[in-house]
Amino acid sequence: MPYSRKAFSDDYVTETFYFPLSVQVEDEDSEDLYSVSSDSVRWFEDEIQEAIDDYQSDIEMERYLCDDNADIQHKLISAEWGVETLNGELYGRMKLTLKEPLTAEETEQMRGEVTGQASDGFGESFEQHPITLDDEKYYVSFWNSGDDYFVYTADEMDEYLSQQTGQGFSGM
């Protein structure tokens, strides 16, 4: 059953965190994995999103985020994994629907929670399930151990993209 996006009141706010993806493809002859760039899979954004939606259809992610912080739990309505093409490259994202905006301290705590879920929780489990695209098996990971890994808010991502290409979200 495909994941259905929840409908919410206009009174709610969204906060989105972005992070780079790691994508590997299985060599059909040797079954070894080799890395491909996330800009080379941007053409498969819809198919990858559909696989994510199917995978998260039975998971209430908001139950796993900041379960030790009652203030954040009170604000959090939903948390959805996804992908989005920004300036020609496919990125992972976690979209939160909230009753009210997070404070600066709560944003930092949530950034840590998203990183943890990307590396050890949902993300680790999701990356173990191949997505078949053009008769090849792709493994999409929301985390990597490289120095280039980040979890950025939408504003931080806009600044990052502006530094990379001279244009942020608005320039897409």
N, C-alpha and C. Protein backbone atom coordinates (compact mmCIF):
# COMPACT_ATOMS: atom_id res chain seq x y z
N MET A 1 0.85 -1.19 0.00
CA MET A 1 0.00 0.00 0.00
C MET A 1 0.89 1.24 0.00
N PRO A 2 0.75 2.13 -0.98
CA PRO A 2 1.58 3.33 -1.02
C PRO A 2 1.32 4.22 0.18
N TYR A 3 2.35 4.91 0.57
CA TYR A 3 2.27 5.86 1.67
C TYR A 3 1.40 7.02 1.26
N SER A 4 0.45 7.39 2.08
CA SER A 4 -0.39 8.54 1.74
C SER A 4 0.02 9.72 2.61
N ARG A 5 0.25 10.81 1.97
CA ARG A 5 0.63 12.03 2.68
C ARG A 5 -0.55 12.49 3.52
N LYS A 6 -0.26 12.88 4.75
CA LYS A 6 -1.31 13.33 5.65
C LYS A 6 -1.67 14.78 5.33
N ALA A 7 -2.93 15.10 5.42
CA ALA A 7 -3.39 16.47 5.23
C ALA A 7 -3.46 17.16 6.58
N PHE A 8 -3.00 18.41 6.63
CA PHE A 8 -2.96 19.13 7.89
C PHE A 8 -3.54 20.53 7.72
N SER A 9 -3.87 21.09 8.82
CA SER A 9 -4.40 22.44 8.87
C SER A 9 -3.36 23.45 8.39
N ASP A 10 -3.83 24.56 7.86
CA ASP A 10 -2.94 25.64 7.45
C ASP A 10 -2.24 26.28 8.64
N ASP A 11 -2.72 25.99 9.84
CA ASP A 11 -2.12 26.58 11.04
C ASP A 11 -0.79 25.93 11.40
N TYR A 12 -0.50 24.78 10.84
CA TYR A 12 0.74 24.07 11.15
C TYR A 12 1.89 24.63 10.32
N VAL A 13 3.10 24.39 10.80
CA VAL A 13 4.30 24.82 10.10
C VAL A 13 5.11 23.59 9.69
N THR A 14 5.95 23.78 8.71
CA THR A 14 6.85 22.69 8.31
C THR A 14 8.29 23.14 8.51
N GLU A 15 9.10 22.20 8.89
CA GLU A 15 10.55 22.40 8.98
C GLU A 15 11.15 21.24 8.22
N THR A 16 12.11 21.53 7.37
CA THR A 16 12.72 20.49 6.57
C THR A 16 14.21 20.48 6.78
N PHE A 17 14.74 19.27 6.95
CA PHE A 17 16.19 19.06 7.07
C PHE A 17 16.66 18.34 5.81
N TYR A 18 17.80 18.77 5.27
CA TYR A 18 18.36 18.20 4.05
C TYR A 18 19.72 17.57 4.34
N PHE A 19 20.06 16.55 3.56
CA PHE A 19 21.34 15.86 3.72
C PHE A 19 21.71 15.19 2.41
N PRO A 20 23.01 14.99 2.19
CA PRO A 20 23.43 14.33 0.95
C PRO A 20 23.06 12.85 0.98
N LEU A 21 22.86 12.30 -0.20
CA LEU A 21 22.59 10.87 -0.34
C LEU A 21 23.86 10.15 -0.77
N SER A 22 23.95 8.89 -0.39
CA SER A 22 24.97 7.99 -0.92
C SER A 22 24.21 6.94 -1.71
N VAL A 23 24.61 6.74 -2.95
CA VAL A 23 23.90 5.80 -3.81
C VAL A 23 24.91 4.80 -4.38
N GLN A 24 24.56 3.52 -4.27
CA GLN A 24 25.39 2.47 -4.83
C GLN A 24 24.54 1.61 -5.75
N VAL A 25 25.20 1.08 -6.76
CA VAL A 25 24.55 0.22 -7.74
C VAL A 25 25.25 -1.13 -7.70
N GLU A 26 24.43 -2.17 -7.81
CA GLU A 26 24.98 -3.53 -7.80
C GLU A 26 25.41 -3.91 -9.21
N ASP A 27 26.67 -4.33 -9.35
CA ASP A 27 27.16 -4.85 -10.62
C ASP A 27 26.52 -6.21 -10.83
N GLU A 28 25.77 -6.36 -11.91
CA GLU A 28 25.01 -7.60 -12.11
C GLU A 28 25.89 -8.81 -12.31
N ASP A 29 27.12 -8.63 -12.78
CA ASP A 29 28.02 -9.77 -13.00
C ASP A 29 28.68 -10.24 -11.71
N SER A 30 29.21 -9.30 -10.95
CA SER A 30 29.96 -9.67 -9.75
C SER A 30 29.17 -9.51 -8.46
N GLU A 31 28.04 -8.81 -8.52
CA GLU A 31 27.23 -8.45 -7.37
C GLU A 31 27.95 -7.51 -6.40
N ASP A 32 29.10 -6.96 -6.83
CA ASP A 32 29.78 -5.93 -6.06
C ASP A 32 29.01 -4.63 -6.20
N LEU A 33 29.17 -3.75 -5.22
CA LEU A 33 28.52 -2.44 -5.27
C LEU A 33 29.53 -1.38 -5.66
N TYR A 34 29.09 -0.44 -6.48
CA TYR A 34 29.93 0.71 -6.80
C TYR A 34 29.09 1.97 -6.62
N SER A 35 29.77 3.03 -6.21
CA SER A 35 29.09 4.29 -5.94
C SER A 35 28.81 5.06 -7.21
N VAL A 36 27.66 5.74 -7.21
CA VAL A 36 27.31 6.67 -8.28
C VAL A 36 26.95 7.99 -7.64
N SER A 37 27.08 9.05 -8.41
CA SER A 37 26.78 10.37 -7.87
C SER A 37 25.28 10.58 -7.76
N SER A 38 24.90 11.39 -6.79
CA SER A 38 23.46 11.64 -6.60
C SER A 38 22.88 12.48 -7.73
N ASP A 39 23.72 13.18 -8.49
CA ASP A 39 23.17 13.91 -9.64
C ASP A 39 22.83 12.95 -10.78
N SER A 40 23.46 11.77 -10.81
CA SER A 40 23.15 10.81 -11.87
C SER A 40 21.84 10.06 -11.62
N VAL A 41 21.31 10.12 -10.41
CA VAL A 41 20.04 9.43 -10.11
C VAL A 41 18.88 10.41 -9.95
N ARG A 42 19.13 11.68 -10.17
CA ARG A 42 18.04 12.66 -10.01
C ARG A 42 16.89 12.38 -10.96
N TRP A 43 17.18 11.71 -12.07
CA TRP A 43 16.13 11.37 -13.03
C TRP A 43 15.16 10.35 -12.46
N PHE A 44 15.58 9.67 -11.40
CA PHE A 44 14.75 8.65 -10.76
C PHE A 44 14.10 9.15 -9.47
N GLU A 45 14.02 10.47 -9.30
CA GLU A 45 13.49 11.04 -8.06
C GLU A 45 12.12 10.45 -7.72
N ASP A 46 11.21 10.39 -8.67
CA ASP A 46 9.86 9.90 -8.39
C ASP A 46 9.88 8.43 -7.97
N GLU A 47 10.67 7.62 -8.65
CA GLU A 47 10.74 6.19 -8.32
C GLU A 47 11.37 5.95 -6.95
N ILE A 48 12.40 6.73 -6.63
CA ILE A 48 13.04 6.61 -5.31
C ILE A 48 12.07 7.08 -4.23
N GLN A 49 11.36 8.19 -4.48
CA GLN A 49 10.37 8.67 -3.51
C GLN A 49 9.29 7.63 -3.29
N GLU A 50 8.84 6.99 -4.36
CA GLU A 50 7.81 5.96 -4.23
C GLU A 50 8.32 4.79 -3.37
N ALA A 51 9.57 4.40 -3.55
CA ALA A 51 10.15 3.33 -2.73
C ALA A 51 10.22 3.75 -1.26
N ILE A 52 10.59 5.01 -1.02
CA ILE A 52 10.64 5.52 0.35
C ILE A 52 9.24 5.52 0.95
N ASP A 53 8.26 6.02 0.20
CA ASP A 53 6.88 6.06 0.68
C ASP A 53 6.37 4.67 1.02
N ASP A 54 6.64 3.71 0.14
CA ASP A 54 6.21 2.33 0.40
C ASP A 54 6.86 1.80 1.68
N TYR A 55 8.14 2.09 1.83
CA TYR A 55 8.87 1.57 2.98
C TYR A 55 8.39 2.19 4.29
N GLN A 56 8.08 3.49 4.27
CA GLN A 56 7.68 4.16 5.51
C GLN A 56 6.18 4.11 5.77
N SER A 57 5.44 3.41 4.93
CA SER A 57 3.98 3.42 5.05
C SER A 57 3.48 2.92 6.40
N ASP A 58 4.19 2.03 7.04
CA ASP A 58 3.74 1.49 8.33
C ASP A 58 4.55 2.02 9.51
N ILE A 59 5.38 3.03 9.28
CA ILE A 59 6.25 3.56 10.33
C ILE A 59 5.77 4.95 10.73
N GLU A 60 5.52 5.14 11.99
CA GLU A 60 5.19 6.46 12.51
C GLU A 60 6.48 7.07 13.04
N MET A 61 7.23 7.69 12.13
CA MET A 61 8.57 8.19 12.46
C MET A 61 8.55 9.17 13.63
N GLU A 62 7.48 9.95 13.75
CA GLU A 62 7.43 10.94 14.82
C GLU A 62 7.53 10.29 16.20
N ARG A 63 7.20 9.01 16.31
CA ARG A 63 7.32 8.30 17.60
C ARG A 63 8.77 8.10 17.99
N TYR A 64 9.68 8.10 17.00
CA TYR A 64 11.08 7.80 17.25
C TYR A 64 11.95 9.05 17.40
N LEU A 65 11.42 10.20 17.04
CA LEU A 65 12.20 11.43 17.09
C LEU A 65 11.96 12.16 18.40
N CYS A 66 13.02 12.47 19.08
CA CYS A 66 12.99 13.28 20.30
C CYS A 66 12.00 12.75 21.33
N ASP A 67 11.96 11.44 21.48
CA ASP A 67 11.00 10.86 22.43
C ASP A 67 11.35 11.19 23.88
N ASP A 68 12.55 11.75 24.09
CA ASP A 68 12.93 12.16 25.44
C ASP A 68 12.71 13.66 25.69
N ASN A 69 12.11 14.36 24.73
CA ASN A 69 11.85 15.78 24.87
C ASN A 69 10.35 16.04 24.68
N ALA A 70 9.65 16.22 25.78
CA ALA A 70 8.19 16.39 25.73
C ALA A 70 7.78 17.64 24.96
N ASP A 71 8.58 18.71 25.01
CA ASP A 71 8.24 19.94 24.30
C ASP A 71 8.22 19.69 22.78
N ILE A 72 9.24 18.99 22.29
CA ILE A 72 9.28 18.70 20.85
C ILE A 72 8.19 17.70 20.50
N GLN A 73 8.01 16.67 21.29
CA GLN A 73 6.97 15.68 21.02
C GLN A 73 5.59 16.34 20.94
N HIS A 74 5.36 17.33 21.80
CA HIS A 74 4.07 18.05 21.79
C HIS A 74 3.88 18.82 20.48
N LYS A 75 4.96 19.35 19.93
CA LYS A 75 4.88 20.13 18.70
C LYS A 75 4.80 19.26 17.44
N LEU A 76 5.39 18.08 17.49
CA LEU A 76 5.57 17.25 16.30
C LEU A 76 4.29 16.52 15.90
N ILE A 77 3.83 16.79 14.67
CA ILE A 77 2.65 16.14 14.11
C ILE A 77 3.06 14.95 13.25
N SER A 78 4.01 15.18 12.34
CA SER A 78 4.46 14.09 11.46
C SER A 78 5.90 14.33 11.03
N ALA A 79 6.54 13.25 10.61
CA ALA A 79 7.91 13.29 10.10
C ALA A 79 7.96 12.35 8.89
N GLU A 80 8.36 12.89 7.75
CA GLU A 80 8.35 12.11 6.52
C GLU A 80 9.71 12.18 5.83
N TRP A 81 10.25 11.00 5.48
CA TRP A 81 11.48 10.91 4.70
C TRP A 81 11.15 11.20 3.25
N GLY A 82 12.13 11.72 2.54
CA GLY A 82 11.93 11.95 1.13
C GLY A 82 13.23 12.30 0.43
N VAL A 83 13.10 12.60 -0.85
CA VAL A 83 14.21 13.08 -1.67
C VAL A 83 13.72 14.28 -2.45
N GLU A 84 14.67 15.12 -2.83
CA GLU A 84 14.33 16.32 -3.59
C GLU A 84 15.53 16.73 -4.42
N THR A 85 15.27 17.08 -5.67
CA THR A 85 16.34 17.57 -6.54
C THR A 85 16.49 19.07 -6.32
N LEU A 86 17.69 19.46 -5.96
CA LEU A 86 18.02 20.86 -5.74
C LEU A 86 19.26 21.19 -6.56
N ASN A 87 19.15 22.17 -7.42
CA ASN A 87 20.26 22.58 -8.29
C ASN A 87 20.89 21.39 -9.01
N GLY A 88 20.06 20.47 -9.50
CA GLY A 88 20.53 19.37 -10.32
C GLY A 88 21.07 18.17 -9.58
N GLU A 89 20.97 18.16 -8.26
CA GLU A 89 21.47 17.03 -7.47
C GLU A 89 20.36 16.53 -6.54
N LEU A 90 20.29 15.22 -6.38
CA LEU A 90 19.27 14.63 -5.52
C LEU A 90 19.77 14.58 -4.08
N TYR A 91 18.98 15.13 -3.17
CA TYR A 91 19.30 15.15 -1.73
C TYR A 91 18.21 14.42 -0.96
N GLY A 92 18.58 13.92 0.19
CA GLY A 92 17.60 13.37 1.11
C GLY A 92 17.00 14.50 1.92
N ARG A 93 15.82 14.24 2.47
CA ARG A 93 15.19 15.25 3.32
C ARG A 93 14.29 14.58 4.35
N MET A 94 14.12 15.26 5.45
CA MET A 94 13.17 14.89 6.48
C MET A 94 12.27 16.10 6.66
N LYS A 95 11.00 15.93 6.32
CA LYS A 95 10.03 17.02 6.43
C LYS A 95 9.19 16.81 7.68
N LEU A 96 9.20 17.81 8.55
CA LEU A 96 8.45 17.77 9.79
C LEU A 96 7.24 18.69 9.69
N THR A 97 6.11 18.22 10.15
CA THR A 97 4.94 19.07 10.31
C THR A 97 4.78 19.27 11.80
N LEU A 98 4.67 20.55 12.19
CA LEU A 98 4.68 20.92 13.60
C LEU A 98 3.53 21.85 13.93
N LYS A 99 3.11 21.82 15.19
CA LYS A 99 2.09 22.74 15.67
C LYS A 99 2.63 24.16 15.75
N GLU A 100 3.93 24.28 16.01
CA GLU A 100 4.59 25.58 16.09
C GLU A 100 6.07 25.38 15.78
N PRO A 101 6.77 26.43 15.40
CA PRO A 101 8.19 26.28 15.02
C PRO A 101 9.05 25.77 16.18
N LEU A 102 10.13 25.11 15.81
CA LEU A 102 11.11 24.67 16.81
C LEU A 102 11.95 25.86 17.25
N THR A 103 12.37 25.85 18.49
CA THR A 103 13.32 26.85 18.96
C THR A 103 14.70 26.49 18.41
N ALA A 104 15.66 27.37 18.56
CA ALA A 104 17.03 27.11 18.10
C ALA A 104 17.58 25.86 18.79
N GLU A 105 17.35 25.73 20.07
CA GLU A 105 17.82 24.55 20.82
C GLU A 105 17.13 23.27 20.33
N GLU A 106 15.83 23.36 20.10
CA GLU A 106 15.09 22.20 19.61
C GLU A 106 15.53 21.82 18.19
N THR A 107 15.85 22.82 17.38
CA THR A 107 16.34 22.55 16.03
C THR A 107 17.64 21.75 16.09
N GLU A 108 18.53 22.12 16.99
CA GLU A 108 19.80 21.39 17.13
C GLU A 108 19.56 19.96 17.63
N GLN A 109 18.63 19.81 18.55
CA GLN A 109 18.31 18.47 19.03
C GLN A 109 17.70 17.64 17.90
N MET A 110 16.82 18.24 17.12
CA MET A 110 16.21 17.52 16.02
C MET A 110 17.24 17.17 14.96
N ARG A 111 18.19 18.04 14.70
CA ARG A 111 19.26 17.75 13.75
C ARG A 111 20.00 16.47 14.17
N GLY A 112 20.28 16.36 15.46
CA GLY A 112 20.93 15.16 15.97
C GLY A 112 20.05 13.92 15.82
N GLU A 113 18.76 14.08 16.05
CA GLU A 113 17.82 12.96 15.90
C GLU A 113 17.73 12.50 14.44
N VAL A 114 17.68 13.46 13.52
CA VAL A 114 17.62 13.12 12.10
C VAL A 114 18.89 12.39 11.68
N THR A 115 20.03 12.88 12.14
CA THR A 115 21.30 12.22 11.83
C THR A 115 21.30 10.80 12.36
N GLY A 116 20.85 10.62 13.59
CA GLY A 116 20.81 9.28 14.19
C GLY A 116 19.88 8.35 13.43
N GLN A 117 18.72 8.84 13.03
CA GLN A 117 17.79 8.00 12.27
C GLN A 117 18.33 7.69 10.88
N ALA A 118 19.05 8.65 10.28
CA ALA A 118 19.63 8.42 8.96
C ALA A 118 20.73 7.37 9.01
N SER A 119 21.51 7.38 10.09
CA SER A 119 22.65 6.45 10.17
C SER A 119 22.31 5.11 10.80
N ASP A 120 21.46 5.08 11.81
CA ASP A 120 21.24 3.85 12.56
C ASP A 120 19.80 3.36 12.58
N GLY A 121 18.87 4.19 12.21
CA GLY A 121 17.46 3.82 12.33
C GLY A 121 16.84 3.52 10.99
N PHE A 122 15.86 4.31 10.63
CA PHE A 122 15.15 4.13 9.36
C PHE A 122 16.11 4.05 8.19
N GLY A 123 17.05 4.98 8.14
CA GLY A 123 17.97 5.05 7.01
C GLY A 123 18.80 3.81 6.83
N GLU A 124 19.30 3.26 7.94
CA GLU A 124 20.12 2.04 7.85
C GLU A 124 19.28 0.88 7.33
N SER A 125 18.07 0.79 7.79
CA SER A 125 17.19 -0.29 7.35
C SER A 125 16.79 -0.10 5.88
N PHE A 126 16.43 1.13 5.50
CA PHE A 126 16.00 1.40 4.13
C PHE A 126 17.10 1.08 3.12
N GLU A 127 18.34 1.44 3.45
CA GLU A 127 19.44 1.27 2.50
C GLU A 127 19.74 -0.20 2.21
N GLN A 128 19.22 -1.10 2.99
CA GLN A 128 19.46 -2.53 2.78
C GLN A 128 18.47 -3.13 1.79
N HIS A 129 17.53 -2.33 1.30
CA HIS A 129 16.52 -2.80 0.35
C HIS A 129 16.76 -2.14 -1.00
N PRO A 130 17.13 -2.92 -2.00
CA PRO A 130 17.43 -2.32 -3.30
C PRO A 130 16.17 -1.77 -3.99
N ILE A 131 16.40 -0.76 -4.79
CA ILE A 131 15.36 -0.18 -5.64
C ILE A 131 15.77 -0.52 -7.07
N THR A 132 14.93 -1.21 -7.80
CA THR A 132 15.26 -1.58 -9.16
C THR A 132 14.87 -0.44 -10.11
N LEU A 133 15.88 0.09 -10.78
CA LEU A 133 15.71 1.19 -11.73
C LEU A 133 16.47 0.82 -13.00
N ASP A 134 15.82 0.86 -14.11
CA ASP A 134 16.45 0.48 -15.39
C ASP A 134 17.17 -0.87 -15.30
N ASP A 135 16.51 -1.84 -14.68
CA ASP A 135 17.04 -3.21 -14.55
C ASP A 135 18.31 -3.30 -13.72
N GLU A 136 18.60 -2.29 -12.93
CA GLU A 136 19.74 -2.34 -12.02
C GLU A 136 19.25 -2.12 -10.60
N LYS A 137 19.99 -2.69 -9.64
CA LYS A 137 19.63 -2.55 -8.23
C LYS A 137 20.41 -1.39 -7.62
N TYR A 138 19.66 -0.40 -7.15
CA TYR A 138 20.23 0.77 -6.50
C TYR A 138 19.98 0.70 -5.00
N TYR A 139 20.99 1.07 -4.23
CA TYR A 139 20.88 1.13 -2.78
C TYR A 139 21.08 2.60 -2.38
N VAL A 140 20.04 3.18 -1.80
CA VAL A 140 20.05 4.60 -1.45
C VAL A 140 20.21 4.73 0.06
N SER A 141 21.22 5.49 0.45
CA SER A 141 21.48 5.71 1.87
C SER A 141 21.33 7.19 2.21
N PHE A 142 20.74 7.46 3.35
CA PHE A 142 20.57 8.82 3.84
C PHE A 142 21.75 9.30 4.67
N TRP A 143 22.80 8.49 4.73
CA TRP A 143 23.92 8.83 5.60
C TRP A 143 25.22 8.33 4.99
N ASN A 144 26.30 9.01 5.32
CA ASN A 144 27.64 8.50 5.03
C ASN A 144 28.59 9.02 6.09
N SER A 145 29.71 8.38 6.23
CA SER A 145 30.66 8.74 7.29
C SER A 145 31.70 9.75 6.84
N GLY A 146 31.54 10.31 5.65
CA GLY A 146 32.52 11.25 5.12
C GLY A 146 32.45 12.62 5.77
N ASP A 147 33.52 13.36 5.57
CA ASP A 147 33.59 14.72 6.10
C ASP A 147 32.60 15.67 5.41
N ASP A 148 32.08 15.24 4.27
CA ASP A 148 31.16 16.09 3.53
C ASP A 148 29.70 15.88 3.92
N TYR A 149 29.44 15.05 4.93
CA TYR A 149 28.07 14.81 5.36
C TYR A 149 27.57 15.97 6.21
N PHE A 150 26.30 16.31 6.04
CA PHE A 150 25.69 17.38 6.83
C PHE A 150 24.20 17.10 6.97
N VAL A 151 23.58 17.77 7.93
CA VAL A 151 22.13 17.84 8.05
C VAL A 151 21.83 19.33 8.22
N TYR A 152 21.25 19.92 7.18
CA TYR A 152 20.99 21.35 7.14
C TYR A 152 19.49 21.64 7.20
N THR A 153 19.16 22.74 7.86
CA THR A 153 17.80 23.27 7.78
C THR A 153 17.60 23.84 6.37
N ALA A 154 16.39 24.21 6.03
CA ALA A 154 16.11 24.78 4.71
C ALA A 154 16.93 26.05 4.48
N ASP A 155 17.04 26.92 5.50
CA ASP A 155 17.83 28.15 5.34
C ASP A 155 19.30 27.83 5.14
N GLU A 156 19.81 26.88 5.91
CA GLU A 156 21.22 26.49 5.76
C GLU A 156 21.47 25.85 4.40
N MET A 157 20.49 25.08 3.92
CA MET A 157 20.64 24.43 2.61
C MET A 157 20.64 25.49 1.52
N ASP A 158 19.79 26.48 1.64
CA ASP A 158 19.76 27.56 0.67
C ASP A 158 21.11 28.26 0.62
N GLU A 159 21.69 28.53 1.78
CA GLU A 159 23.01 29.17 1.83
C GLU A 159 24.08 28.26 1.21
N TYR A 160 24.04 26.98 1.53
CA TYR A 160 24.99 26.01 0.98
C TYR A 160 24.89 25.98 -0.55
N LEU A 161 23.67 25.90 -1.07
CA LEU A 161 23.49 25.86 -2.52
C LEU A 161 23.96 27.16 -3.17
N SER A 162 23.71 28.27 -2.50
CA SER A 162 24.16 29.56 -3.02
C SER A 162 25.68 29.59 -3.12
N GLN A 163 26.36 29.04 -2.14
CA GLN A 163 27.82 29.00 -2.16
C GLN A 163 28.34 28.04 -3.23
N GLN A 164 27.61 26.95 -3.47
CA GLN A 164 28.03 25.96 -4.45
C GLN A 164 27.86 26.46 -5.88
N THR A 165 26.76 27.13 -6.15
CA THR A 165 26.43 27.46 -7.54
C THR A 165 26.09 28.92 -7.77
N GLY A 166 26.02 29.68 -6.72
CA GLY A 166 25.62 31.08 -6.89
C GLY A 166 24.12 31.27 -6.88
N GLN A 167 23.37 30.17 -6.65
CA GLN A 167 21.92 30.31 -6.57
C GLN A 167 21.38 29.34 -5.53
N GLY A 168 20.40 29.78 -4.78
CA GLY A 168 19.77 28.93 -3.77
C GLY A 168 18.50 28.31 -4.32
N PHE A 169 17.57 28.01 -3.43
CA PHE A 169 16.29 27.43 -3.84
C PHE A 169 15.61 28.30 -4.89
N SER A 170 15.65 29.59 -4.65
CA SER A 170 14.92 30.50 -5.53
C SER A 170 15.47 30.51 -6.94
N GLY A 171 16.69 30.03 -7.12
CA GLY A 171 17.30 30.02 -8.45
C GLY A 171 17.07 28.74 -9.22
N MET A 172 16.25 27.83 -8.68
CA MET A 172 16.04 26.55 -9.35
C MET A 172 15.02 26.68 -10.45
